[in-house]
Amino acid sequence: MKLGYLITPQQVCIDTISQSKTAVFHKISELFAHTTPELSLNELFDAYWHRENLGSTTIGHGIMLPHIRMPAINEPKACFIKLIHPIDFGAEDKQPVDLVIGLMMPANQEEHHLTILAAIIKQFSDPCFRKACRNLSNAESLYDLLVNGLLEPQV
């Protein structure tokens, strides 16, 4: 699964400022608040903060996948943040996080939520894909990679 139907170019960013958990959750909330007028930045921040307090959403290899379900939305949405300054989120593998995929799902789509989580985890389990994300230096190129995946080498 590629993230094309979940993400827009405006929801992909390279973050040069965030240096704390709070700042990362604020940035995720900010990205979604701009495209989801039915939810306030504060509602989103509180939901992400509460979810993270239930258990870490790090998946290893410097990747974090904070995810929430919200009754006010009808379609799943994703955002992607590449952190210039990796942050320690207490991952089991002890690697600081530098790639964040925020996910927001409708509250009534639990099975779809789990399917999307599994697909994203599979995509980011690929070391070549992670390396490509880390090597790209602008949001437009990151968006293209997230939407189109890795391009096959030309023969």
Protein backbone atom coordinates (compact mmCIF):
# COMPACT_ATOMS: atom_id res chain seq x y z
CA MET A 1 0.00 0.00 0.00
CA LYS A 2 1.23 3.44 -0.86
CA LEU A 3 0.09 6.49 1.09
CA GLY A 4 -1.33 8.29 -1.97
CA TYR A 5 -4.97 8.22 -0.95
CA LEU A 6 -4.21 9.19 2.66
CA ILE A 7 -1.83 12.11 2.26
CA THR A 8 -1.59 15.43 0.44
CA PRO A 9 1.56 17.40 -0.40
CA GLN A 10 0.63 19.90 2.33
CA GLN A 11 0.81 17.12 4.93
CA VAL A 12 4.47 16.28 4.23
CA CYS A 13 7.19 18.35 5.83
CA ILE A 14 10.80 18.50 6.84
CA ASP A 15 10.85 19.81 10.40
CA THR A 16 13.93 21.76 11.38
CA ILE A 17 12.47 23.06 14.65
CA SER A 18 10.92 20.26 16.74
CA GLN A 19 13.21 18.94 19.44
CA SER A 20 10.70 17.40 21.87
CA LYS A 21 7.78 14.97 21.98
CA THR A 22 5.42 17.86 22.65
CA ALA A 23 6.65 19.75 19.59
CA VAL A 24 6.23 16.69 17.35
CA PHE A 25 2.64 16.09 18.48
CA HIS A 26 1.93 19.80 18.02
CA LYS A 27 3.31 19.65 14.46
CA ILE A 28 1.19 16.59 13.60
CA SER A 29 -1.88 18.32 15.03
CA GLU A 30 -1.08 21.49 13.12
CA LEU A 31 -0.77 19.62 9.80
CA PHE A 32 -4.14 17.93 10.31
CA ALA A 33 -5.91 21.01 11.70
CA HIS A 34 -5.24 22.87 8.43
CA THR A 35 -7.11 20.23 6.41
CA THR A 36 -9.70 19.14 8.98
CA PRO A 37 -11.69 22.21 10.02
CA GLU A 38 -14.09 20.11 12.12
CA LEU A 39 -11.24 19.43 14.58
CA SER A 40 -9.22 22.00 16.48
CA LEU A 41 -5.48 21.87 16.95
CA ASN A 42 -6.05 21.37 20.69
CA GLU A 43 -8.45 18.44 20.17
CA LEU A 44 -5.95 16.76 17.88
CA PHE A 45 -2.99 17.40 20.17
CA ASP A 46 -4.88 16.01 23.18
CA ALA A 47 -5.88 12.88 21.22
CA TYR A 48 -2.30 12.19 20.08
CA TRP A 49 -0.88 12.89 23.53
CA HIS A 50 -3.45 10.61 25.18
CA ARG A 51 -2.77 7.81 22.65
CA GLU A 52 0.99 8.01 23.19
CA ASN A 53 0.48 7.83 26.96
CA LEU A 54 -1.33 4.50 26.47
CA GLY A 55 1.83 3.05 24.92
CA SER A 56 4.63 4.08 22.63
CA THR A 57 3.84 4.27 18.92
CA THR A 58 7.46 3.83 17.89
CA ILE A 59 8.00 0.87 15.56
CA GLY A 60 11.80 0.76 15.57
CA HIS A 61 14.47 1.86 13.11
CA GLY A 62 13.84 5.53 13.99
CA ILE A 63 10.18 5.36 12.91
CA MET A 64 7.14 6.52 14.86
CA LEU A 65 3.52 5.91 13.86
CA PRO A 66 1.21 7.92 16.14
CA HIS A 67 -2.37 7.03 15.29
CA ILE A 68 -5.77 8.09 16.57
CA ARG A 69 -9.42 7.45 15.76
CA MET A 70 -11.72 10.45 15.64
CA PRO A 71 -15.52 10.37 15.33
CA ALA A 72 -15.59 13.75 13.54
CA ILE A 73 -13.93 12.48 10.33
CA ASN A 74 -15.15 10.16 7.58
CA GLU A 75 -11.93 9.41 5.70
CA PRO A 76 -8.49 8.29 6.91
CA LYS A 77 -5.70 10.86 6.72
CA ALA A 78 -1.95 10.69 7.10
CA CYS A 79 0.89 13.14 7.48
CA PHE A 80 4.64 12.64 7.27
CA ILE A 81 7.34 14.54 9.12
CA LYS A 82 11.06 14.11 8.60
CA LEU A 83 12.81 15.41 11.70
CA ILE A 84 16.19 17.05 11.15
CA HIS A 85 16.94 16.57 14.86
CA PRO A 86 16.07 12.96 15.88
CA ILE A 87 14.19 12.71 19.18
CA ASP A 88 14.32 9.98 21.82
CA PHE A 89 10.80 8.58 22.17
CA GLY A 90 11.90 5.61 24.26
CA ALA A 91 11.82 3.09 21.42
CA GLU A 92 12.58 -0.52 22.31
CA ASP A 93 15.53 -0.53 19.90
CA LYS A 94 16.84 2.68 21.55
CA GLN A 95 17.02 4.50 18.20
CA PRO A 96 15.89 8.12 18.23
CA VAL A 97 12.99 8.93 15.92
CA ASP A 98 13.54 10.93 12.75
CA LEU A 99 10.64 9.72 10.58
CA VAL A 100 7.06 10.26 11.81
CA ILE A 101 3.92 9.05 10.06
CA GLY A 102 0.85 10.53 11.73
CA LEU A 103 -2.40 8.69 11.09
CA MET A 104 -5.95 9.79 11.82
CA MET A 105 -8.80 7.36 11.22
CA PRO A 106 -12.58 7.56 11.51
CA ALA A 107 -13.66 6.08 14.84
CA ASN A 108 -15.93 3.50 13.21
CA GLN A 109 -13.27 1.94 10.94
CA GLU A 110 -11.29 -0.27 13.33
CA GLU A 111 -10.56 -3.05 10.83
CA HIS A 112 -9.48 -0.56 8.14
CA HIS A 113 -7.36 1.20 10.78
CA LEU A 114 -5.47 -2.03 11.51
CA THR A 115 -5.03 -2.78 7.80
CA ILE A 116 -3.53 0.65 7.17
CA LEU A 117 -1.24 0.39 10.21
CA ALA A 118 0.04 -2.99 9.02
CA ALA A 119 0.65 -1.70 5.49
CA ILE A 120 2.55 1.36 6.71
CA ILE A 121 4.66 -0.76 9.07
CA LYS A 122 5.46 -3.12 6.19
CA GLN A 123 6.47 -0.24 3.91
CA PHE A 124 8.73 1.34 6.52
CA SER A 125 10.24 -2.03 7.42
CA ASP A 126 12.06 -1.93 4.08
CA PRO A 127 15.59 -0.60 4.76
CA CYS A 128 15.85 0.77 1.20
CA PHE A 129 12.62 2.74 1.64
CA ARG A 130 13.78 4.16 4.99
CA LYS A 131 17.13 5.12 3.48
CA ALA A 132 15.40 6.84 0.56
CA CYS A 133 13.21 8.84 2.99
CA ARG A 134 16.26 9.89 4.97
CA ASN A 135 18.26 10.86 1.89
CA LEU A 136 15.63 13.16 0.38
CA SER A 137 16.01 16.80 1.28
CA ASN A 138 12.72 18.39 0.22
CA ALA A 139 9.06 17.79 0.99
CA GLU A 140 8.03 17.45 -2.67
CA SER A 141 10.43 14.55 -3.24
CA LEU A 142 9.31 12.90 0.01
CA TYR A 143 5.68 13.20 -1.08
CA ASP A 144 6.51 11.57 -4.43
CA LEU A 145 8.28 8.71 -2.66
CA LEU A 146 5.39 8.18 -0.23
CA VAL A 147 2.83 8.20 -3.04
CA ASN A 148 4.75 6.26 -5.68
CA GLY A 149 7.09 4.09 -3.60
CA LEU A 150 10.58 3.22 -4.68
CA LEU A 151 11.09 3.42 -8.41
CA GLU A 152 12.52 0.34 -10.06
CA PRO A 153 16.05 0.86 -11.37
CA GLN A 154 16.27 1.44 -15.11
CA VAL A 155 17.90 -1.45 -16.99
